[in-house]
C-alpha atoms as a PDB file:
ATOM      1  CA  MET A   1      28.082  -4.764  -6.333  1.00  0.00           C
ATOM      2  CA  SER A   2      25.475  -2.082  -6.507  1.00  0.00           C
ATOM      3  CA  ALA A   3      21.542  -3.171  -5.325  1.00  0.00           C
ATOM      4  CA  GLU A   4      20.389  -3.510  -8.793  1.00  0.00           C
ATOM      5  CA  SER A   5      23.178  -6.014  -9.997  1.00  0.00           C
ATOM      6  CA  LYS A   6      22.790  -7.882  -6.563  1.00  0.00           C
ATOM      7  CA  ILE A   7      19.106  -8.189  -7.691  1.00  0.00           C
ATOM      8  CA  ILE A   8      19.545  -9.315 -11.005  1.00  0.00           C
ATOM      9  CA  LYS A   9      21.989 -11.848 -10.280  1.00  0.00           C
ATOM     10  CA  GLU A  10      19.642 -13.334  -7.071  1.00  0.00           C
ATOM     11  CA  ILE A  11      16.652 -13.594  -9.504  1.00  0.00           C
ATOM     12  CA  ARG A  12      19.125 -15.138 -12.292  1.00  0.00           C
ATOM     13  CA  LEU A  13      20.085 -17.682  -9.698  1.00  0.00           C
ATOM     14  CA  ALA A  14      16.731 -18.442  -8.246  1.00  0.00           C
ATOM     15  CA  SER A  15      15.375 -19.193 -11.966  1.00  0.00           C
ATOM     16  CA  ARG A  16      17.704 -21.525 -12.721  1.00  0.00           C
ATOM     17  CA  LEU A  17      17.160 -23.570  -9.373  1.00  0.00           C
ATOM     18  CA  MET A  18      13.440 -23.422  -9.827  1.00  0.00           C
ATOM     19  CA  VAL A  19      13.845 -25.050 -13.282  1.00  0.00           C
ATOM     20  CA  ARG A  20      15.916 -27.544 -12.047  1.00  0.00           C
ATOM     21  CA  GLU A  21      14.138 -28.616  -9.020  1.00  0.00           C
ATOM     22  CA  LEU A  22      10.434 -28.333 -10.836  1.00  0.00           C
ATOM     23  CA  GLY A  23      11.351 -30.590 -13.477  1.00  0.00           C
ATOM     24  CA  PHE A  24      12.129 -28.739 -16.504  1.00  0.00           C
ATOM     25  CA  MET A  25      15.456 -30.030 -17.280  1.00  0.00           C
ATOM     26  CA  ASN A  26      13.591 -33.485 -17.634  1.00  0.00           C
ATOM     27  CA  ASN A  27      12.219 -35.257 -20.995  1.00  0.00           C
ATOM     28  CA  THR A  28       8.815 -35.287 -19.269  1.00  0.00           C
ATOM     29  CA  LEU A  29       7.079 -33.222 -16.607  1.00  0.00           C
ATOM     30  CA  ALA A  30       4.931 -33.513 -13.556  1.00  0.00           C
ATOM     31  CA  ALA A  31       4.753 -37.293 -13.520  1.00  0.00           C
ATOM     32  CA  THR A  32       3.390 -37.453 -16.775  1.00  0.00           C
ATOM     33  CA  ASP A  33       4.769 -39.030 -20.118  1.00  0.00           C
ATOM     34  CA  TYR A  34       4.732 -35.730 -21.567  1.00  0.00           C
ATOM     35  CA  PRO A  35       7.011 -32.765 -22.174  1.00  0.00           C
ATOM     36  CA  PRO A  36       6.453 -29.447 -20.222  1.00  0.00           C
ATOM     37  CA  SER A  37       4.800 -27.853 -23.552  1.00  0.00           C
ATOM     38  CA  ALA A  38       2.375 -30.785 -23.371  1.00  0.00           C
ATOM     39  CA  VAL A  39       1.808 -30.459 -19.865  1.00  0.00           C
ATOM     40  CA  HIS A  40       1.366 -26.373 -19.979  1.00  0.00           C
ATOM     41  CA  THR A  41      -1.072 -27.176 -22.797  1.00  0.00           C
ATOM     42  CA  LEU A  42      -3.365 -29.431 -20.931  1.00  0.00           C
ATOM     43  CA  LEU A  43      -3.582 -26.944 -18.036  1.00  0.00           C
ATOM     44  CA  GLU A  44      -4.448 -24.087 -20.461  1.00  0.00           C
ATOM     45  CA  VAL A  45      -7.199 -26.092 -21.813  1.00  0.00           C
ATOM     46  CA  GLU A  46      -8.686 -26.663 -18.323  1.00  0.00           C
ATOM     47  CA  THR A  47      -8.346 -23.112 -17.293  1.00  0.00           C
ATOM     48  CA  LYS A  48     -10.072 -21.898 -20.519  1.00  0.00           C
ATOM     49  CA  GLY A  49     -12.499 -24.566 -21.187  1.00  0.00           C
ATOM     50  CA  SER A  50     -11.969 -24.746 -24.475  1.00  0.00           C
ATOM     51  CA  ILE A  51      -9.077 -23.170 -26.591  1.00  0.00           C
ATOM     52  CA  THR A  52      -7.980 -22.711 -30.536  1.00  0.00           C
ATOM     53  CA  ALA A  53      -4.100 -23.494 -31.827  1.00  0.00           C
ATOM     54  CA  ALA A  54      -3.604 -19.919 -32.403  1.00  0.00           C
ATOM     55  CA  GLN A  55      -4.769 -18.846 -29.081  1.00  0.00           C
ATOM     56  CA  LEU A  56      -2.136 -21.295 -27.310  1.00  0.00           C
ATOM     57  CA  VAL A  57       0.665 -20.296 -29.667  1.00  0.00           C
ATOM     58  CA  HIS A  58       0.543 -16.842 -27.947  1.00  0.00           C
ATOM     59  CA  ILE A  59       0.043 -18.170 -24.526  1.00  0.00           C
ATOM     60  CA  LEU A  60       2.562 -20.691 -24.949  1.00  0.00           C
ATOM     61  CA  GLY A  61       5.257 -18.309 -27.246  1.00  0.00           C
ATOM     62  CA  LEU A  62       5.920 -21.347 -29.581  1.00  0.00           C
ATOM     63  CA  GLU A  63       6.166 -21.946 -32.924  1.00  0.00           C
ATOM     64  CA  LYS A  64       2.927 -22.669 -35.035  1.00  0.00           C
ATOM     65  CA  SER A  65       4.584 -25.617 -36.513  1.00  0.00           C
ATOM     66  CA  SER A  66       5.546 -26.726 -32.990  1.00  0.00           C
ATOM     67  CA  VAL A  67       2.456 -26.257 -31.652  1.00  0.00           C
ATOM     68  CA  SER A  68       0.196 -28.132 -34.377  1.00  0.00           C
ATOM     69  CA  ARG A  69       2.686 -31.179 -33.651  1.00  0.00           C
ATOM     70  CA  MET A  70       1.621 -31.353 -29.936  1.00  0.00           C
ATOM     71  CA  LEU A  71      -1.432 -30.584 -30.715  1.00  0.00           C
ATOM     72  CA  ALA A  72      -1.897 -33.660 -32.994  1.00  0.00           C
ATOM     73  CA  LYS A  73      -0.232 -35.769 -30.529  1.00  0.00           C
ATOM     74  CA  LEU A  74      -2.218 -34.978 -27.397  1.00  0.00           C
ATOM     75  CA  VAL A  75      -5.556 -35.674 -30.161  1.00  0.00           C
ATOM     76  CA  GLU A  76      -4.138 -38.961 -31.105  1.00  0.00           C
ATOM     77  CA  ALA A  77      -3.148 -39.893 -27.208  1.00  0.00           C
ATOM     78  CA  GLY A  78      -6.732 -39.212 -26.305  1.00  0.00           C
ATOM     79  CA  GLU A  79      -6.290 -36.406 -24.136  1.00  0.00           C
ATOM     80  CA  LEU A  80      -7.862 -33.557 -26.204  1.00  0.00           C
ATOM     81  CA  LYS A  81     -10.300 -33.423 -28.772  1.00  0.00           C
ATOM     82  CA  GLU A  82     -11.388 -31.177 -31.416  1.00  0.00           C
ATOM     83  CA  SER A  83     -14.959 -29.412 -32.029  1.00  0.00           C
ATOM     84  CA  VAL A  84     -16.045 -26.928 -34.799  1.00  0.00           C
ATOM     85  CA  PHE A  85     -16.220 -23.377 -33.435  1.00  0.00           C
ATOM     86  CA  PRO A  86     -19.476 -21.959 -34.389  1.00  0.00           C
ATOM     87  CA  GLU A  87     -18.511 -18.544 -35.562  1.00  0.00           C
ATOM     88  CA  ASP A  88     -16.006 -19.952 -38.366  1.00  0.00           C
ATOM     89  CA  MET A  89     -16.340 -23.234 -39.443  1.00  0.00           C
ATOM     90  CA  ARG A  90     -12.467 -23.386 -40.472  1.00  0.00           C
ATOM     91  CA  THR A  91     -11.468 -23.162 -36.508  1.00  0.00           C
ATOM     92  CA  LYS A  92     -11.297 -25.994 -34.280  1.00  0.00           C
ATOM     93  CA  LEU A  93     -12.016 -25.785 -30.494  1.00  0.00           C
ATOM     94  CA  LEU A  94     -10.001 -28.147 -28.436  1.00  0.00           C
ATOM     95  CA  SER A  95     -11.298 -29.497 -25.086  1.00  0.00           C
ATOM     96  CA  LEU A  96     -10.279 -32.148 -22.547  1.00  0.00           C
ATOM     97  CA  THR A  97     -11.423 -35.816 -23.261  1.00  0.00           C
ATOM     98  CA  GLU A  98     -12.490 -37.543 -20.050  1.00  0.00           C
ATOM     99  CA  LYS A  99      -8.754 -39.179 -19.845  1.00  0.00           C
ATOM    100  CA  GLY A 100      -7.435 -35.410 -20.407  1.00  0.00           C
ATOM    101  CA  GLN A 101      -9.488 -34.332 -17.242  1.00  0.00           C
ATOM    102  CA  LYS A 102      -8.015 -37.351 -15.404  1.00  0.00           C
ATOM    103  CA  THR A 103      -4.805 -36.563 -16.534  1.00  0.00           C
ATOM    104  CA  VAL A 104      -4.962 -32.655 -15.364  1.00  0.00           C
ATOM    105  CA  ALA A 105      -6.193 -34.013 -12.054  1.00  0.00           C
ATOM    106  CA  ALA A 106      -3.167 -35.810 -11.459  1.00  0.00           C
ATOM    107  CA  ILE A 107      -0.615 -32.953 -12.718  1.00  0.00           C
ATOM    108  CA  ASN A 108      -2.573 -30.479 -10.116  1.00  0.00           C
ATOM    109  CA  ARG A 109      -2.416 -33.102  -7.487  1.00  0.00           C
ATOM    110  CA  TYR A 110       1.567 -33.430  -8.111  1.00  0.00           C
ATOM    111  CA  GLY A 111       1.853 -29.424  -8.530  1.00  0.00           C
ATOM    112  CA  ASP A 112      -0.115 -28.758  -5.507  1.00  0.00           C
ATOM    113  CA  GLU A 113       2.295 -31.271  -3.555  1.00  0.00           C
ATOM    114  CA  ARG A 114       5.350 -29.652  -4.104  1.00  0.00           C
ATOM    115  CA  VAL A 115       3.993 -26.374  -3.635  1.00  0.00           C
ATOM    116  CA  ILE A 116       2.813 -27.116  -0.018  1.00  0.00           C
ATOM    117  CA  ALA A 117       5.938 -29.123   0.704  1.00  0.00           C
ATOM    118  CA  ALA A 118       8.041 -26.178  -0.302  1.00  0.00           C
ATOM    119  CA  LEU A 119       5.782 -23.745   1.445  1.00  0.00           C
ATOM    120  CA  LYS A 120       6.059 -25.633   4.729  1.00  0.00           C
ATOM    121  CA  LYS A 121       9.834 -24.486   4.794  1.00  0.00           C
ATOM    122  CA  LEU A 122       8.894 -21.309   5.185  1.00  0.00           C
ATOM    123  CA  ASP A 123       7.331 -18.911   7.781  1.00  0.00           C
ATOM    124  CA  PRO A 124       3.915 -17.456   6.911  1.00  0.00           C
ATOM    125  CA  PHE A 125       5.208 -13.841   6.250  1.00  0.00           C
ATOM    126  CA  LYS A 126       7.813 -15.621   3.544  1.00  0.00           C
ATOM    127  CA  GLN A 127       5.071 -17.543   1.962  1.00  0.00           C
ATOM    128  CA  ASN A 128       3.242 -14.322   1.061  1.00  0.00           C
ATOM    129  CA  ALA A 129       6.153 -12.747  -0.133  1.00  0.00           C
ATOM    130  CA  VAL A 130       7.111 -15.829  -2.420  1.00  0.00           C
ATOM    131  CA  SER A 131       3.159 -16.107  -3.739  1.00  0.00           C
ATOM    132  CA  GLN A 132       3.177 -12.092  -4.576  1.00  0.00           C
ATOM    133  CA  GLY A 133       6.724 -12.029  -5.608  1.00  0.00           C
ATOM    134  CA  LEU A 134       6.320 -14.610  -7.920  1.00  0.00           C
ATOM    135  CA  SER A 135       2.927 -13.230  -9.520  1.00  0.00           C
ATOM    136  CA  SER A 136       4.273  -9.767  -9.945  1.00  0.00           C
ATOM    137  CA  TYR A 137       7.517 -10.992 -11.615  1.00  0.00           C
ATOM    138  CA  ALA A 138       5.820 -13.567 -13.828  1.00  0.00           C
ATOM    139  CA  ARG A 139       3.420 -10.486 -15.071  1.00  0.00           C
ATOM    140  CA  ALA A 140       6.851  -8.412 -15.927  1.00  0.00           C
ATOM    141  CA  LEU A 141       8.098 -11.381 -17.882  1.00  0.00           C
ATOM    142  CA  GLN A 142       4.682 -11.480 -19.704  1.00  0.00           C
ATOM    143  CA  ALA A 143       4.382  -7.600 -20.185  1.00  0.00           C
ATOM    144  CA  CYS A 144       8.012  -7.298 -21.663  1.00  0.00           C
ATOM    145  CA  ARG A 145       6.979 -10.402 -24.171  1.00  0.00           C
ATOM    146  CA  ASP A 146       3.979  -8.446 -25.029  1.00  0.00           C
ATOM    147  CA  ASN A 147       5.627  -5.041 -25.272  1.00  0.00           C
ATOM    148  CA  THR A 148       3.095  -4.051 -22.631  1.00  0.00           C
ATOM    149  CA  ASP A 149       2.881  -2.057 -19.347  1.00  0.00           C
ATOM    150  CA  ILE A 150       1.788  -3.421 -16.286  1.00  0.00           C
ATOM    151  CA  ASN A 151       0.400  -1.128 -13.389  1.00  0.00           C
ATOM    152  CA  GLU A 152       2.087  -2.782 -10.379  1.00  0.00           C
ATOM    153  CA  HIS A 153       1.711  -0.471  -8.049  1.00  0.00           C
ATOM    154  CA  GLY A 154      -1.989  -0.019  -8.792  1.00  0.00           C
ATOM    155  CA  SER A 155      -3.013  -1.278  -5.547  1.00  0.00           C
ATOM    156  CA  ILE A 156      -0.958   1.329  -3.495  1.00  0.00           C
ATOM    157  CA  LYS A 157      -3.209   3.947  -1.393  1.00  0.00           C
ATOM    158  CA  ILE A 158      -1.384   6.500   0.823  1.00  0.00           C
ATOM    159  CA  VAL A 159      -3.088   6.933   4.170  1.00  0.00           C
ATOM    160  CA  THR A 160      -2.443   9.423   6.808  1.00  0.00           C
ATOM    161  CA  GLY A 161      -2.279   9.711  10.639  1.00  0.00           C
ATOM    162  CA  TYR A 162      -1.011   6.631  13.096  1.00  0.00           C
ATOM    163  CA  HIS A 163      -1.200   2.918  11.813  1.00  0.00           C
ATOM    164  CA  ALA A 164       0.243   0.304  13.930  1.00  0.00           C
ATOM    165  CA  GLY A 165       3.476  -1.021  13.215  1.00  0.00           C
ATOM    166  CA  MET A 166       4.201   2.083  11.564  1.00  0.00           C
ATOM    167  CA  ILE A 167       7.215   3.300  13.863  1.00  0.00           C
ATOM    168  CA  GLY A 168       9.135  -0.200  13.502  1.00  0.00           C
ATOM    169  CA  ARG A 169       8.116  -0.752   9.769  1.00  0.00           C
ATOM    170  CA  ILE A 170       9.701   3.417   8.834  1.00  0.00           C
ATOM    171  CA  THR A 171      12.795   2.405  10.813  1.00  0.00           C
ATOM    172  CA  GLU A 172      13.394  -0.754   9.497  1.00  0.00           C
ATOM    173  CA  MET A 173      12.739   0.367   6.021  1.00  0.00           C
ATOM    174  CA  HIS A 174      15.526   3.310   6.888  1.00  0.00           C
ATOM    175  CA  GLY A 175      17.840   0.951   8.690  1.00  0.00           C
ATOM    176  CA  SER A 176      17.757  -1.667   6.302  1.00  0.00           C
ATOM    177  CA  TYR A 177      18.486   1.025   2.943  1.00  0.00           C
ATOM    178  CA  TYR A 178      20.831   3.225   4.431  1.00  0.00           C
ATOM    179  CA  ALA A 179      22.830  -0.032   6.115  1.00  0.00           C
ATOM    180  CA  ARG A 180      23.305  -1.598   2.986  1.00  0.00           C
ATOM    181  CA  GLU A 181      24.038   1.571   0.495  1.00  0.00           C
ATOM    182  CA  HIS A 182      25.970   3.916   3.178  1.00  0.00           C
ATOM    183  CA  ASP A 183      27.336   1.689   5.831  1.00  0.00           C
ATOM    184  CA  PHE A 184      24.908   3.531   8.496  1.00  0.00           C
ATOM    185  CA  GLY A 185      24.687   1.420  11.618  1.00  0.00           C
ATOM    186  CA  SER A 186      22.798   1.433  14.986  1.00  0.00           C
ATOM    187  CA  PHE A 187      23.322   4.516  15.774  1.00  0.00           C
ATOM    188  CA  PHE A 188      21.565   6.064  12.844  1.00  0.00           C
ATOM    189  CA  GLU A 189      18.457   3.148  13.094  1.00  0.00           C
ATOM    190  CA  GLY A 190      18.562   4.220  16.943  1.00  0.00           C
ATOM    191  CA  LYS A 191      18.176   8.070  16.019  1.00  0.00           C
ATOM    192  CA  VAL A 192      14.935   7.433  13.460  1.00  0.00           C
ATOM    193  CA  ALA A 193      12.880   5.128  16.277  1.00  0.00           C
ATOM    194  CA  ALA A 194      13.473   7.325  18.769  1.00  0.00           C
ATOM    195  CA  GLY A 195      12.401  10.327  16.746  1.00  0.00           C
ATOM    196  CA  LEU A 196       9.561   8.748  15.329  1.00  0.00           C
ATOM    197  CA  VAL A 197       8.155   7.638  18.867  1.00  0.00           C
ATOM    198  CA  ASP A 198       8.588  11.270  20.038  1.00  0.00           C
ATOM    199  CA  PHE A 199       6.562  12.174  16.385  1.00  0.00           C
ATOM    200  CA  VAL A 200       3.975  10.112  17.272  1.00  0.00           C
ATOM    201  CA  ALA A 201       3.086  11.224  20.205  1.00  0.00           C
ATOM    202  CA  ARG A 202       2.439  15.010  18.980  1.00  0.00           C
ATOM    203  CA  ILE A 203       0.685  13.269  15.491  1.00  0.00           C
ATOM    204  CA  ASP A 204      -2.163  15.028  16.679  1.00  0.00           C
ATOM    205  CA  LYS A 205      -1.496  18.350  16.478  1.00  0.00           C
ATOM    206  CA  PRO A 206      -2.738  19.947  13.473  1.00  0.00           C
ATOM    207  CA  CYS A 207       0.800  21.512  12.503  1.00  0.00           C
ATOM    208  CA  ASN A 208       2.188  17.675  12.294  1.00  0.00           C
ATOM    209  CA  GLN A 209       0.936  14.927   9.924  1.00  0.00           C
ATOM    210  CA  ILE A 210       2.599  12.059   8.367  1.00  0.00           C
ATOM    211  CA  TRP A 211       1.438   9.963   5.086  1.00  0.00           C
ATOM    212  CA  LEU A 212       2.255   6.612   4.495  1.00  0.00           C
ATOM    213  CA  ALA A 213       1.989   4.576   1.197  1.00  0.00           C
ATOM    214  CA  MET A 214       0.501   0.984   1.739  1.00  0.00           C
ATOM    215  CA  ILE A 215       0.247  -2.432  -0.828  1.00  0.00           C
ATOM    216  CA  ASN A 216      -2.247  -5.011   0.827  1.00  0.00           C
ATOM    217  CA  GLU A 217      -2.118  -3.114   4.041  1.00  0.00           C
ATOM    218  CA  ARG A 218       1.845  -3.264   4.384  1.00  0.00           C
ATOM    219  CA  ILE A 219       3.836   0.170   4.553  1.00  0.00           C
ATOM    220  CA  VAL A 220       6.193   0.922   1.618  1.00  0.00           C
ATOM    221  CA  GLY A 221       6.722   4.557   1.961  1.00  0.00           C
ATOM    222  CA  SER A 222       6.294   7.385   3.938  1.00  0.00           C
ATOM    223  CA  VAL A 223       6.930  10.937   4.581  1.00  0.00           C
ATOM    224  CA  ALA A 224       6.270  13.529   7.828  1.00  0.00           C
ATOM    225  CA  ILE A 225       5.604  17.014   8.446  1.00  0.00           C
ATOM    226  CA  ASP A 226       6.687  18.204  11.666  1.00  0.00           C
ATOM    227  CA  GLY A 227       5.892  21.471  12.607  1.00  0.00           C
ATOM    228  CA  GLN A 228       6.864  21.828  15.988  1.00  0.00           C
ATOM    229  CA  ASP A 229      10.672  20.779  16.541  1.00  0.00           C
ATOM    230  CA  LEU A 230      12.016  23.927  14.576  1.00  0.00           C
ATOM    231  CA  GLY A 231      10.247  26.864  15.548  1.00  0.00           C
ATOM    232  CA  ASN A 232       9.877  30.348  13.614  1.00  0.00           C
ATOM    233  CA  ASN A 233       6.613  28.938  11.775  1.00  0.00           C
ATOM    234  CA  GLU A 234       9.002  26.404   9.958  1.00  0.00           C
ATOM    235  CA  ALA A 235       7.760  22.727   8.727  1.00  0.00           C
ATOM    236  CA  HIS A 236      10.750  20.047   9.218  1.00  0.00           C
ATOM    237  CA  LEU A 237       9.983  17.227   6.354  1.00  0.00           C
ATOM    238  CA  ARG A 238      11.067  14.209   7.641  1.00  0.00           C
ATOM    239  CA  TRP A 239      11.448  10.213   7.202  1.00  0.00           C
ATOM    240  CA  PHE A 240      11.159  10.437   3.208  1.00  0.00           C
ATOM    241  CA  ILE A 241      11.856   6.551   2.538  1.00  0.00           C
ATOM    242  CA  LEU A 242      10.494   3.888   0.248  1.00  0.00           C
ATOM    243  CA  ASP A 243      10.819   0.240  -0.141  1.00  0.00           C
ATOM    244  CA  ASP A 244      13.463  -1.153  -2.626  1.00  0.00           C
ATOM    245  CA  GLY A 245      10.395  -2.441  -4.512  1.00  0.00           C
ATOM    246  CA  CYS A 246       8.871   1.092  -5.125  1.00  0.00           C
ATOM    247  CA  ARG A 247      11.702   3.426  -6.112  1.00  0.00           C
ATOM    248  CA  GLY A 248      11.350   4.544  -9.705  1.00  0.00           C
ATOM    249  CA  SER A 249       7.727   4.191  -9.661  1.00  0.00           C
ATOM    250  CA  GLY A 250       6.549   7.832  -9.351  1.00  0.00           C
ATOM    251  CA  LEU A 251       5.590   7.323  -5.528  1.00  0.00           C
ATOM    252  CA  GLY A 252       8.125   9.277  -4.045  1.00  0.00           C
ATOM    253  CA  LYS A 253       6.959  11.949  -6.014  1.00  0.00           C
ATOM    254  CA  LYS A 254       3.250  11.507  -4.879  1.00  0.00           C
ATOM    255  CA  LEU A 255       4.305  11.451  -1.195  1.00  0.00           C
ATOM    256  CA  ILE A 256       6.128  14.777  -1.153  1.00  0.00           C
ATOM    257  CA  ALA A 257       3.526  16.260  -3.374  1.00  0.00           C
ATOM    258  CA  GLU A 258       1.390  15.772  -0.482  1.00  0.00           C
ATOM    259  CA  ALA A 259       3.638  16.704   2.417  1.00  0.00           C
ATOM    260  CA  VAL A 260       4.263  20.043   0.241  1.00  0.00           C
ATOM    261  CA  ASN A 261       0.684  20.997   0.012  1.00  0.00           C
ATOM    262  CA  PHE A 262      -0.090  20.497   3.480  1.00  0.00           C
ATOM    263  CA  CYS A 263       2.611  22.817   3.991  1.00  0.00           C
ATOM    264  CA  ASP A 264       0.845  25.355   1.968  1.00  0.00           C
ATOM    265  CA  GLU A 265      -2.155  24.888   3.651  1.00  0.00           C
ATOM    266  CA  GLN A 266      -0.862  25.042   6.541  1.00  0.00           C
ATOM    267  CA  SER A 267       0.798  28.940   5.898  1.00  0.00           C
ATOM    268  CA  PHE A 268       4.356  27.948   6.959  1.00  0.00           C
ATOM    269  CA  SER A 269       6.936  30.133   6.160  1.00  0.00           C
ATOM    270  CA  ALA A 270       9.342  27.871   4.810  1.00  0.00           C
ATOM    271  CA  VAL A 271       9.916  23.624   4.898  1.00  0.00           C
ATOM    272  CA  GLN A 272      13.324  22.527   6.100  1.00  0.00           C
ATOM    273  CA  LEU A 273      14.665  19.103   5.141  1.00  0.00           C
ATOM    274  CA  TRP A 274      18.447  17.635   6.329  1.00  0.00           C
ATOM    275  CA  THR A 275      19.961  14.823   3.905  1.00  0.00           C
ATOM    276  CA  PHE A 276      23.814  14.369   2.628  1.00  0.00           C
ATOM    277  CA  ASN A 277      25.352  14.647  -0.622  1.00  0.00           C
ATOM    278  CA  LYS A 278      25.049  11.219  -1.892  1.00  0.00           C
ATOM    279  CA  LEU A 279      21.234  11.039  -2.052  1.00  0.00           C
ATOM    280  CA  THR A 280      21.347  12.322  -5.780  1.00  0.00           C
ATOM    281  CA  ALA A 281      17.992  10.973  -6.665  1.00  0.00           C
ATOM    282  CA  ALA A 282      16.369  12.272  -3.663  1.00  0.00           C
ATOM    283  CA  ARG A 283      17.878  15.896  -4.166  1.00  0.00           C
ATOM    284  CA  ARG A 284      16.386  15.880  -7.886  1.00  0.00           C
ATOM    285  CA  LEU A 285      13.025  15.166  -6.371  1.00  0.00           C
ATOM    286  CA  TYR A 286      13.299  17.849  -3.697  1.00  0.00           C
ATOM    287  CA  GLU A 287      14.479  20.180  -6.111  1.00  0.00           C
ATOM    288  CA  THR A 288      11.304  19.798  -8.454  1.00  0.00           C
ATOM    289  CA  PHE A 289       9.345  21.119  -5.615  1.00  0.00           C
ATOM    290  CA  GLY A 290      11.360  24.154  -5.028  1.00  0.00           C
ATOM    291  CA  PHE A 291      14.010  23.129  -2.428  1.00  0.00           C
ATOM    292  CA  GLU A 292      17.189  25.034  -2.593  1.00  0.00           C
ATOM    293  CA  LEU A 293      20.547  23.693  -0.886  1.00  0.00           C
ATOM    294  CA  SER A 294      21.057  25.980   1.865  1.00  0.00           C
ATOM    295  CA  LYS A 295      23.537  24.969   3.416  1.00  0.00           C
ATOM    296  CA  GLU A 296      26.416  21.991   3.242  1.00  0.00           C
ATOM    297  CA  TRP A 297      29.168  21.069   6.028  1.00  0.00           C
ATOM    298  CA  GLU A 298      30.895  17.951   7.269  1.00  0.00           C
ATOM    299  CA  GLY A 299      28.816  16.023  10.257  1.00  0.00           C
ATOM    300  CA  VAL A 300      28.355  13.266  11.661  1.00  0.00           C
ATOM    301  CA  GLN A 301      25.001  13.272  13.150  1.00  0.00           C
ATOM    302  CA  TRP A 302      23.736  10.445  11.212  1.00  0.00           C
ATOM    303  CA  GLY A 303      26.854   8.223  13.057  1.00  0.00           C
ATOM    304  CA  SER A 304      29.692   8.571  10.834  1.00  0.00           C
ATOM    305  CA  PRO A 305      31.433  11.294   8.966  1.00  0.00           C
ATOM    306  CA  ILE A 306      29.853  12.677   5.801  1.00  0.00           C
ATOM    307  CA  THR A 307      28.788  15.705   3.700  1.00  0.00           C
ATOM    308  CA  GLU A 308      25.577  16.766   5.083  1.00  0.00           C
ATOM    309  CA  GLN A 309      23.368  18.983   3.513  1.00  0.00           C
ATOM    310  CA  GLN A 310      20.126  21.563   4.483  1.00  0.00           C
ATOM    311  CA  PHE A 311      17.445  22.043   1.872  1.00  0.00           C
ATOM    312  CA  THR A 312      14.785  24.525   2.281  1.00  0.00           C
ATOM    313  CA  ARG A 313      11.588  25.941   0.309  1.00  0.00           C
ATOM    314  CA  ARG A 314      10.533  28.955   1.090  1.00  0.00           C
ATOM    315  CA  ILE A 315       6.261  29.824   1.028  1.00  0.00           C
ATOM    316  CA  ASN A 316       5.627  33.159  -0.241  1.00  0.00           C
END
């Protein structure tokens, strides 16, 4: 099973489990006598202060007739009240009654208690991951319905130099990805860590630099130029890796561009990188920046037999 297929399966399974555990299989929701659509309506009215039926149709993604019947029942039950929209006398604004405010307060208490109870089962890191992941996935689902784009990686920043925790984080990204996709083991992970430790001790040299992509202060990508270990005025491009959620976002291209521009500014005669033949997406990216396959052989430098490759970018 591919990594993408595994992700799809896990998300679908988690979605079904959440639907059941949150009570959406029941006729009523959140300890009320109302169905899920009515509960969501009351919460949206509270959030907006006042809202029109047409706005609710769009937000809830339901048929106009279904929303009209539901609103009529909520007005009849004393949860909502109608008033005339000042700019259009034909349009009615919906807002919460005093009873509706009490109902929404009870819904929020119930919802908060469920969330708090579930979060207590998780460590702080997973709590944060759940918050960010659910928010991102929810926005993506909404963007699919509205046929719009989202700038999920808009908060990414690229920084240079040493940052606390980067050795462990870059090693983790390499170890996790290559173990899952190519069965690399502890030999490879140890080699990555040892190389980074050596490089960090030399990172203050003008010919060395590392670029880190960060989201909310968490490293999600890296690439480095080591201007010392090859000699002959040649640079070594090393530790190019992206977090799973950032692949295909264009972030890799930005990181490689930073590294290549640095090499041009430092007037290296060439840039070398070592990889292997199964990384086709990375190869295409390297080639867009002028790297060419210069050597290929069967080797074991990553801990298992594989077709290793050397790519070279000449700088005129």
